[in-house]
Every structure is written in structure tokens, then in C-alpha cells.
Amino acid sequence: MKDARQLVRLLADPARVDEVRDWTGLLSVARAESLLGSLAFRLHDRPLPDRVGLILEGARRDAERARVQALWEAEMARRALAPLGVPVVLLKGTAYAASGLSAGIGRAIGDLDILVPRPRMDAVQEALLGAGWEWVKQDDYDDDYYRRWMHELPPLIHKERDRMIDVHHTILPLTARPTPDATAMIADSRPLPDGLRILSHVDMIVHAVAHLFADGDLAGGLRNLWDLDRMLREFAAAPGFWMKLRQRAWLHGLSDETARALRLAARLYETPVEGGGRARWADDLYVRRLLARDGWGRTTQRPLRFAFYIRSHWLRMPPLMLARHLIVKALRR
């Protein structure tokens, strides 16, 4: 766990680079948490051991290549969907990169995530299939589960470029307890020069919070919390930002989750925040889960991780539905 703590301390303050004694452990944890590119850019101008410098130089090249690839995939989706006249909102890492936000510097970017109006999902699906994307999951149960209960289409992959796209109509599963207002998110989204769109700044924050706490088991949590730190530092100077963030979190049913995210960002990354409220006893459990890596980047705290895994499913669906879903999954294995 000490290596994960060292990673967050170094991201928060690169001047602490002189404190590093175990570069192998630090780089292993950074790679496991998909933060190696972010760390590489944070330490770009710092004196480093030669071998470490070479590794981080490679990480910067890889991150830049991933950024270009992500933006090209977004352009391919834009071309496929342009004839529909549908607002296409970029989400997560591609949105950060496309809008030039500091959260996108060095960020690992995987699938292309987009948000479109739910009434246009059928048209979007047909346009993407016609442009070369195809279904990843061919199973009838999975297809029905996604379409009835999830916040997105079943995943699609392009048959030539081998890149996946997740088409969202909201930001949390329909069975989840919070019910974000996706219509308001799309209505308040901002256009980019190429015609694609990004969420408003406060909605970007709330979406990152939802992705961190309400839609998973905190896998990749340190990276998601780093996204929040970067965005909060960049957006907070805008007049009335903190009030707007509180209002938007309330609108989307994520006030408690947003307050916890602010507290954890302040605790781990020293993020200057307003409105996180007093520390809660459960915050310590979240911190332990977020830092659960050993000096080789391997996961630790297995009982705690399993508890958060169960929690993630519990948040996604009611108990009877959860039991049925887990039984079906177990039988299929």
C-alpha cells in the first residue's frame, strides 16, 4: 500500500521525486492503475534516473499515440452519425483530450464513449452497424439485459480498426438508485469545432463521480479520482462554480457521492475543494480500497475488494434481479 500512497503523493506534488527509493514499485503501481502516462507528464522536467527517464519517455509516446487514436475514432463516429443530425456527446478520456483539458494529459484512453438521446438509439445503432461496427456480445441474454436495464447499447467493435464504442443514453444503469437527468446533460452540453459535443464542466465532474462511485467497484479509482483533481483545479476559478456543482449533483441524484469524491480528492491528491462536508468513517474504507496495491502492482486487500465488488452489483440492481443475474452468469460459466 505504501507504493500506491507514494504514487498519489508524487502526482499531487512532483517536487517529491527526491523521496522515491523504489522506482520499480512506483512504476508497477502506476502502470497497474493506468496512471503511468499521467505520471510521465507530471515528471517531464524533473531529474530522474536514466532508466526511469527512458521508461517515462516511452509512456509519453504511448499516451500521445493513444490520444491521436482516440480522436481519430471519435472522428469516425462523427462521420457515421453526422447524417442523423443527432447530438453526439463525447465522454471520459476522449472528451478530455478533444477539449484540451489538463485531465487528458497523459491519460489512458480505452473505448470511445458517447452519449446520445435515448429516442434516437435505434437510428444511431443502425448508422454504426452500417459504418463497419459489429456486436461484441452475440448472446441473447446479454443483448436483452443491456437493452432492458443498462445505460448503453451492448458494446460494438469496428471490424477493421478493432476499436470499441460504448453508446450511452444515460450515465448510470436504469436499475441504479440514482437517476441522472441525461436529457439535461445533453441540453447543456457544449459544441466542439468539429460538431461533436462535450458535457458542461459541472456535468463532467458529476459524470466522473458517477463512474467512480455509483457504477463500479472502484477499479481504476485512483485514475478516476485524478481526473476529478485535474478538472476541479481547472474549473473552480469560474464564478459560482461550487454552487453550480452542488445544484447539478442534486439534480442528478448524486449529492452524497459528489461530496465524498471531493473529500477523497482533497485527502489523496490535496485538491482544493469546497463543499465536501465533514469526513465520514466510511471514507477510510474507500481510501484503503483505492490504495490496495503492493510493490509489484498486484492487488491486495482481497476481502475489501470483494466487498466493494458486491456493493457495485447491489447499487446496480434490486436484490431479486441481482440474484437472478448472478445465477444466470454462474450457470453460463
Protein backbone atom coordinates (compact mmCIF):
# COMPACT_ATOMS: atom_id res chain seq x y z
CA MET A 1 0.00 0.00 0.00
CA LYS A 2 2.91 2.38 0.66
CA ASP A 3 3.72 2.37 -3.06
CA ALA A 4 0.20 3.43 -4.02
CA ARG A 5 0.42 6.23 -1.48
CA GLN A 6 3.74 7.29 -2.96
CA LEU A 7 2.16 7.41 -6.40
CA VAL A 8 -0.64 9.75 -5.36
CA ARG A 9 1.78 11.94 -3.41
CA LEU A 10 4.06 12.26 -6.42
CA LEU A 11 1.19 13.05 -8.78
CA ALA A 12 0.00 15.72 -6.37
CA ASP A 13 3.47 17.22 -5.93
CA PRO A 14 6.21 16.23 -8.42
CA ALA A 15 8.76 18.04 -6.24
CA ARG A 16 8.66 14.96 -4.01
CA VAL A 17 10.53 12.99 -6.65
CA ASP A 18 13.65 13.03 -4.45
CA GLU A 19 11.74 10.94 -1.88
CA VAL A 20 11.38 7.96 -4.24
CA ARG A 21 13.53 4.99 -3.23
CA ASP A 22 11.77 2.15 -5.08
CA TRP A 23 11.18 3.14 -8.68
CA THR A 24 10.25 -0.41 -9.68
CA GLY A 25 7.41 -0.46 -7.17
CA LEU A 26 6.24 3.03 -8.07
CA LEU A 27 6.18 2.38 -11.81
CA SER A 28 4.50 -1.01 -11.33
CA VAL A 29 1.67 0.58 -9.36
CA ALA A 30 1.34 3.46 -11.82
CA ARG A 31 1.06 1.01 -14.72
CA ALA A 32 -1.47 -1.16 -12.87
CA GLU A 33 -3.62 1.89 -12.11
CA SER A 34 -3.40 3.20 -15.71
CA LEU A 35 -1.57 6.28 -14.45
CA LEU A 36 1.85 5.75 -15.99
CA GLY A 37 1.23 8.28 -18.77
CA SER A 38 -0.10 10.86 -16.32
CA LEU A 39 2.93 10.33 -14.07
CA ALA A 40 5.29 10.59 -17.06
CA PHE A 41 3.97 14.02 -17.98
CA ARG A 42 3.97 15.21 -14.36
CA LEU A 43 7.67 14.31 -14.05
CA HIS A 44 8.68 15.50 -17.51
CA ASP A 45 11.04 18.26 -16.30
CA ARG A 46 12.32 16.52 -13.17
CA PRO A 47 15.76 14.91 -12.76
CA LEU A 48 15.32 11.14 -12.97
CA PRO A 49 17.49 8.03 -13.10
CA ASP A 50 18.40 7.26 -16.70
CA ARG A 51 16.40 4.04 -16.95
CA VAL A 52 13.36 5.64 -15.33
CA GLY A 53 13.61 8.56 -17.72
CA LEU A 54 13.59 6.19 -20.70
CA ILE A 55 10.56 4.32 -19.38
CA LEU A 56 8.62 7.53 -18.83
CA GLU A 57 9.64 8.88 -22.22
CA GLY A 58 8.14 5.75 -23.74
CA ALA A 59 4.99 6.22 -21.66
CA ARG A 60 4.61 9.76 -23.00
CA ARG A 61 4.91 8.50 -26.57
CA ASP A 62 2.37 5.76 -25.90
CA ALA A 63 -0.05 8.26 -24.34
CA GLU A 64 0.26 10.61 -27.30
CA ARG A 65 -0.33 7.74 -29.71
CA ALA A 66 -3.42 6.72 -27.72
CA ARG A 67 -4.68 10.31 -27.76
CA VAL A 68 -4.38 10.57 -31.54
CA GLN A 69 -6.02 7.18 -31.99
CA ALA A 70 -8.91 8.14 -29.68
CA LEU A 71 -9.53 11.41 -31.51
CA TRP A 72 -9.48 9.62 -34.85
CA GLU A 73 -12.03 7.10 -33.58
CA ALA A 74 -14.22 9.98 -32.42
CA GLU A 75 -13.96 11.49 -35.90
CA MET A 76 -15.00 8.18 -37.46
CA ALA A 77 -18.06 8.07 -35.22
CA ARG A 78 -18.86 11.69 -36.08
CA ARG A 79 -18.78 10.90 -39.79
CA ALA A 80 -21.01 7.86 -39.34
CA LEU A 81 -23.58 9.75 -37.27
CA ALA A 82 -23.50 13.18 -38.94
CA PRO A 83 -26.33 12.42 -41.40
CA LEU A 84 -28.67 11.75 -38.45
CA GLY A 85 -28.40 15.26 -37.02
CA VAL A 86 -28.12 13.72 -33.55
CA PRO A 87 -26.17 15.46 -30.77
CA VAL A 88 -23.15 13.24 -30.05
CA VAL A 89 -21.54 13.96 -26.68
CA LEU A 90 -18.06 12.62 -26.03
CA LEU A 91 -17.47 11.18 -22.56
CA LYS A 92 -14.49 10.37 -20.32
CA GLY A 93 -10.95 10.34 -21.68
CA THR A 94 -11.80 11.17 -25.29
CA ALA A 95 -13.79 14.19 -24.14
CA TYR A 96 -10.86 15.43 -22.06
CA ALA A 97 -8.46 15.02 -24.97
CA ALA A 98 -10.79 16.56 -27.56
CA SER A 99 -11.41 19.65 -25.44
CA GLY A 100 -7.76 20.12 -24.44
CA LEU A 101 -8.38 19.70 -20.71
CA SER A 102 -5.49 19.03 -18.35
CA ALA A 103 -7.27 15.81 -17.33
CA GLY A 104 -6.45 14.49 -20.80
CA ILE A 105 -2.68 14.97 -20.49
CA GLY A 106 -1.14 11.51 -20.46
CA ARG A 107 -4.47 9.87 -19.68
CA ALA A 108 -5.00 6.26 -20.66
CA ILE A 109 -7.93 6.13 -23.11
CA GLY A 110 -9.68 2.88 -23.90
CA ASP A 111 -13.06 2.59 -25.60
CA LEU A 112 -14.83 5.51 -27.23
CA ASP A 113 -17.77 6.51 -25.02
CA ILE A 114 -20.54 8.69 -26.41
CA LEU A 115 -23.89 9.93 -25.08
CA VAL A 116 -26.87 10.33 -27.43
CA PRO A 117 -30.61 10.91 -26.87
CA ARG A 118 -32.41 7.69 -25.96
CA PRO A 119 -35.19 8.13 -28.58
CA ARG A 120 -32.50 8.07 -31.31
CA MET A 121 -30.70 4.94 -30.14
CA ASP A 122 -32.11 2.73 -32.90
CA ALA A 123 -31.01 5.16 -35.60
CA VAL A 124 -27.56 5.51 -34.03
CA GLN A 125 -27.21 1.73 -33.83
CA GLU A 126 -28.09 1.25 -37.49
CA ALA A 127 -25.73 4.01 -38.61
CA LEU A 128 -22.81 2.48 -36.70
CA LEU A 129 -23.53 -1.03 -37.97
CA GLY A 130 -23.65 0.37 -41.50
CA ALA A 131 -20.28 2.05 -40.98
CA GLY A 132 -18.45 -1.14 -40.02
CA TRP A 133 -19.06 -1.63 -36.31
CA GLU A 134 -20.39 -5.00 -35.16
CA TRP A 135 -21.64 -6.52 -31.93
CA VAL A 136 -19.12 -7.81 -29.41
CA LYS A 137 -21.69 -9.88 -27.49
CA GLN A 138 -23.82 -12.24 -29.55
CA ASP A 139 -25.57 -13.85 -26.59
CA ASP A 140 -29.36 -13.27 -26.42
CA TYR A 141 -29.36 -12.90 -22.63
CA ASP A 142 -26.64 -10.25 -22.67
CA ASP A 143 -28.35 -8.38 -25.50
CA ASP A 144 -31.68 -8.36 -23.69
CA TYR A 145 -30.03 -7.37 -20.39
CA TYR A 146 -28.28 -4.39 -21.94
CA ARG A 147 -31.36 -3.15 -23.77
CA ARG A 148 -33.77 -3.51 -20.86
CA TRP A 149 -31.68 -2.47 -17.89
CA MET A 150 -28.39 -0.83 -18.83
CA HIS A 151 -27.47 2.75 -19.69
CA GLU A 152 -25.93 1.82 -23.03
CA LEU A 153 -26.18 -0.42 -26.04
CA PRO A 154 -24.30 -3.72 -25.99
CA PRO A 155 -20.68 -2.90 -26.88
CA LEU A 156 -19.71 -2.56 -30.53
CA ILE A 157 -16.30 -3.05 -32.13
CA HIS A 158 -15.14 -1.89 -35.53
CA LYS A 159 -14.32 -4.88 -37.70
CA GLU A 160 -11.31 -3.20 -39.36
CA ARG A 161 -9.89 -0.86 -36.71
CA ASP A 162 -10.59 -3.22 -33.79
CA ARG A 163 -11.75 -0.30 -31.62
CA MET A 164 -14.76 -0.47 -29.32
CA ILE A 165 -17.51 2.10 -28.88
CA ASP A 166 -19.97 2.32 -25.98
CA VAL A 167 -23.15 4.17 -26.91
CA HIS A 168 -24.81 5.61 -23.79
CA HIS A 169 -28.28 7.09 -23.43
CA THR A 170 -27.63 8.00 -19.78
CA ILE A 171 -24.71 7.67 -17.37
CA LEU A 172 -25.93 5.01 -14.91
CA PRO A 173 -27.84 1.75 -15.35
CA LEU A 174 -31.63 2.14 -15.36
CA THR A 175 -31.76 -0.14 -12.32
CA ALA A 176 -29.38 2.03 -10.27
CA ARG A 177 -30.71 4.03 -7.35
CA PRO A 178 -29.54 7.46 -8.57
CA THR A 179 -31.35 8.60 -11.72
CA PRO A 180 -29.25 11.23 -13.51
CA ASP A 181 -31.06 13.54 -15.92
CA ALA A 182 -29.44 12.64 -19.24
CA THR A 183 -31.75 14.98 -21.15
CA ALA A 184 -30.46 17.92 -19.12
CA MET A 185 -26.87 16.78 -19.66
CA ILE A 186 -27.31 16.72 -23.43
CA ALA A 187 -29.20 20.03 -23.44
CA ASP A 188 -26.40 21.76 -21.51
CA SER A 189 -23.55 20.12 -23.45
CA ARG A 190 -21.08 22.31 -25.33
CA PRO A 191 -20.18 22.08 -29.02
CA LEU A 192 -16.65 21.44 -30.24
CA PRO A 193 -15.39 22.93 -33.52
CA ASP A 194 -15.89 19.62 -35.37
CA GLY A 195 -19.56 19.33 -34.40
CA LEU A 196 -19.12 16.79 -31.61
CA ARG A 197 -20.02 17.88 -28.11
CA ILE A 198 -18.76 17.60 -24.53
CA LEU A 199 -20.63 17.84 -21.24
CA SER A 200 -20.71 21.12 -19.35
CA HIS A 201 -17.91 21.42 -16.82
CA VAL A 202 -20.12 20.68 -13.82
CA ASP A 203 -21.74 17.72 -15.57
CA MET A 204 -18.25 16.40 -16.43
CA ILE A 205 -17.49 16.41 -12.71
CA VAL A 206 -20.76 14.69 -11.80
CA HIS A 207 -20.28 12.07 -14.51
CA ALA A 208 -16.77 11.32 -13.25
CA VAL A 209 -18.22 10.96 -9.75
CA ALA A 210 -20.92 8.59 -11.02
CA HIS A 211 -18.33 6.49 -12.84
CA LEU A 212 -16.16 6.34 -9.72
CA PHE A 213 -18.70 5.55 -7.01
CA ALA A 214 -22.13 4.64 -8.28
CA ASP A 215 -21.28 2.40 -11.22
CA GLY A 216 -18.49 0.09 -10.16
CA ASP A 217 -16.24 -1.47 -7.55
CA LEU A 218 -13.64 1.36 -7.61
CA ALA A 219 -11.48 -0.47 -10.16
CA GLY A 220 -9.35 2.25 -11.72
CA GLY A 221 -10.39 4.52 -8.89
CA LEU A 222 -7.09 6.34 -8.50
CA ARG A 223 -7.17 7.35 -12.17
CA ASN A 224 -10.80 8.48 -11.93
CA LEU A 225 -10.02 10.50 -8.81
CA TRP A 226 -7.03 12.02 -10.62
CA ASP A 227 -9.42 13.09 -13.40
CA LEU A 228 -11.51 14.85 -10.76
CA ASP A 229 -8.49 16.58 -9.27
CA ARG A 230 -7.38 17.90 -12.67
CA MET A 231 -10.87 19.12 -13.59
CA LEU A 232 -11.60 20.69 -10.21
CA ARG A 233 -8.36 22.65 -10.30
CA GLU A 234 -9.11 23.81 -13.85
CA PHE A 235 -12.81 24.65 -13.45
CA ALA A 236 -13.01 26.01 -9.90
CA ALA A 237 -11.99 29.56 -10.82
CA ALA A 238 -15.21 30.10 -12.80
CA PRO A 239 -17.72 32.36 -10.97
CA GLY A 240 -20.22 30.38 -8.93
CA PHE A 241 -18.62 27.04 -9.81
CA TRP A 242 -19.08 25.36 -6.43
CA MET A 243 -22.73 26.39 -6.15
CA LYS A 244 -23.41 25.17 -9.70
CA LEU A 245 -21.70 21.87 -8.91
CA ARG A 246 -23.85 21.33 -5.82
CA GLN A 247 -27.01 22.15 -7.77
CA ARG A 248 -26.10 19.83 -10.60
CA ALA A 249 -25.14 16.98 -8.28
CA TRP A 250 -28.55 17.36 -6.59
CA LEU A 251 -30.35 17.36 -9.97
CA HIS A 252 -28.66 14.10 -10.94
CA GLY A 253 -29.23 12.44 -7.54
CA LEU A 254 -25.51 12.28 -6.76
CA SER A 255 -25.04 14.82 -3.98
CA ASP A 256 -23.64 12.36 -1.42
CA GLU A 257 -21.34 10.74 -3.96
CA THR A 258 -20.06 14.12 -5.11
CA ALA A 259 -19.34 15.22 -1.54
CA ARG A 260 -17.41 12.01 -0.90
CA ALA A 261 -15.43 12.44 -4.12
CA LEU A 262 -14.43 15.95 -3.04
CA ARG A 263 -13.30 14.69 0.36
CA LEU A 264 -11.24 11.86 -1.13
CA ALA A 265 -9.67 14.07 -3.78
CA ALA A 266 -8.62 16.50 -1.06
CA ARG A 267 -7.31 13.68 1.10
CA LEU A 268 -5.31 11.84 -1.55
CA TYR A 269 -4.37 14.49 -4.12
CA GLU A 270 -4.54 17.58 -1.90
CA THR A 271 -7.20 19.02 -4.20
CA PRO A 272 -8.53 22.41 -3.01
CA VAL A 273 -12.29 21.84 -2.64
CA GLU A 274 -15.41 23.40 -1.20
CA GLY A 275 -18.50 21.51 -0.08
CA GLY A 276 -17.13 18.09 0.74
CA GLY A 277 -18.57 18.19 4.24
CA ARG A 278 -17.14 16.52 7.30
CA ALA A 279 -15.17 13.30 6.96
CA ARG A 280 -17.18 10.09 7.33
CA TRP A 281 -15.94 6.88 8.89
CA ALA A 282 -16.50 5.03 5.61
CA ASP A 283 -14.03 7.34 3.86
CA ASP A 284 -11.22 5.28 5.41
CA LEU A 285 -12.57 2.16 3.70
CA TYR A 286 -12.64 3.92 0.35
CA VAL A 287 -9.05 5.07 0.81
CA ARG A 288 -7.91 1.55 1.71
CA ARG A 289 -9.68 0.19 -1.38
CA LEU A 290 -8.20 2.84 -3.66
CA LEU A 291 -4.66 2.18 -2.42
CA ALA A 292 -4.89 -1.62 -2.48
CA ARG A 293 -1.68 -2.39 -4.44
CA ASP A 294 1.57 -3.95 -3.33
CA GLY A 295 5.08 -3.03 -4.50
CA TRP A 296 4.68 -5.18 -7.64
CA GLY A 297 1.41 -3.54 -8.66
CA ARG A 298 -0.58 -6.59 -7.57
CA THR A 299 -3.95 -6.20 -5.88
CA THR A 300 -4.15 -6.52 -2.11
CA GLN A 301 -6.99 -6.23 0.44
CA ARG A 302 -8.93 -9.03 -1.27
CA PRO A 303 -11.81 -9.20 1.26
CA LEU A 304 -12.27 -5.44 0.99
CA ARG A 305 -12.12 -5.54 -2.80
CA PHE A 306 -14.71 -8.32 -2.85
CA ALA A 307 -16.96 -6.29 -0.56
CA PHE A 308 -16.79 -3.36 -2.98
CA TYR A 309 -17.49 -5.75 -5.86
CA ILE A 310 -20.67 -6.95 -4.14
CA ARG A 311 -21.55 -3.32 -3.36
CA SER A 312 -21.21 -2.38 -7.03
CA HIS A 313 -23.76 -5.01 -8.05
CA TRP A 314 -26.04 -4.08 -5.16
CA LEU A 315 -26.07 -0.47 -6.39
CA ARG A 316 -26.81 -1.52 -9.94
CA MET A 317 -29.97 -3.55 -9.37
CA PRO A 318 -32.59 -4.66 -6.82
CA PRO A 319 -31.82 -7.80 -4.76
CA LEU A 320 -34.06 -10.25 -6.65
CA MET A 321 -32.80 -9.07 -10.02
CA LEU A 322 -29.24 -9.26 -8.74
CA ALA A 323 -29.73 -12.84 -7.53
CA ARG A 324 -31.21 -13.92 -10.86
CA HIS A 325 -28.47 -12.20 -12.82
CA LEU A 326 -25.67 -13.77 -10.78
CA ILE A 327 -27.27 -17.23 -11.04
CA VAL A 328 -27.57 -16.92 -14.84
CA LYS A 329 -23.94 -15.78 -15.09
CA ALA A 330 -22.76 -18.64 -12.87
CA LEU A 331 -24.68 -21.27 -14.84
CA ARG A 332 -23.30 -19.95 -18.14
CA ARG A 333 -19.74 -20.30 -16.82
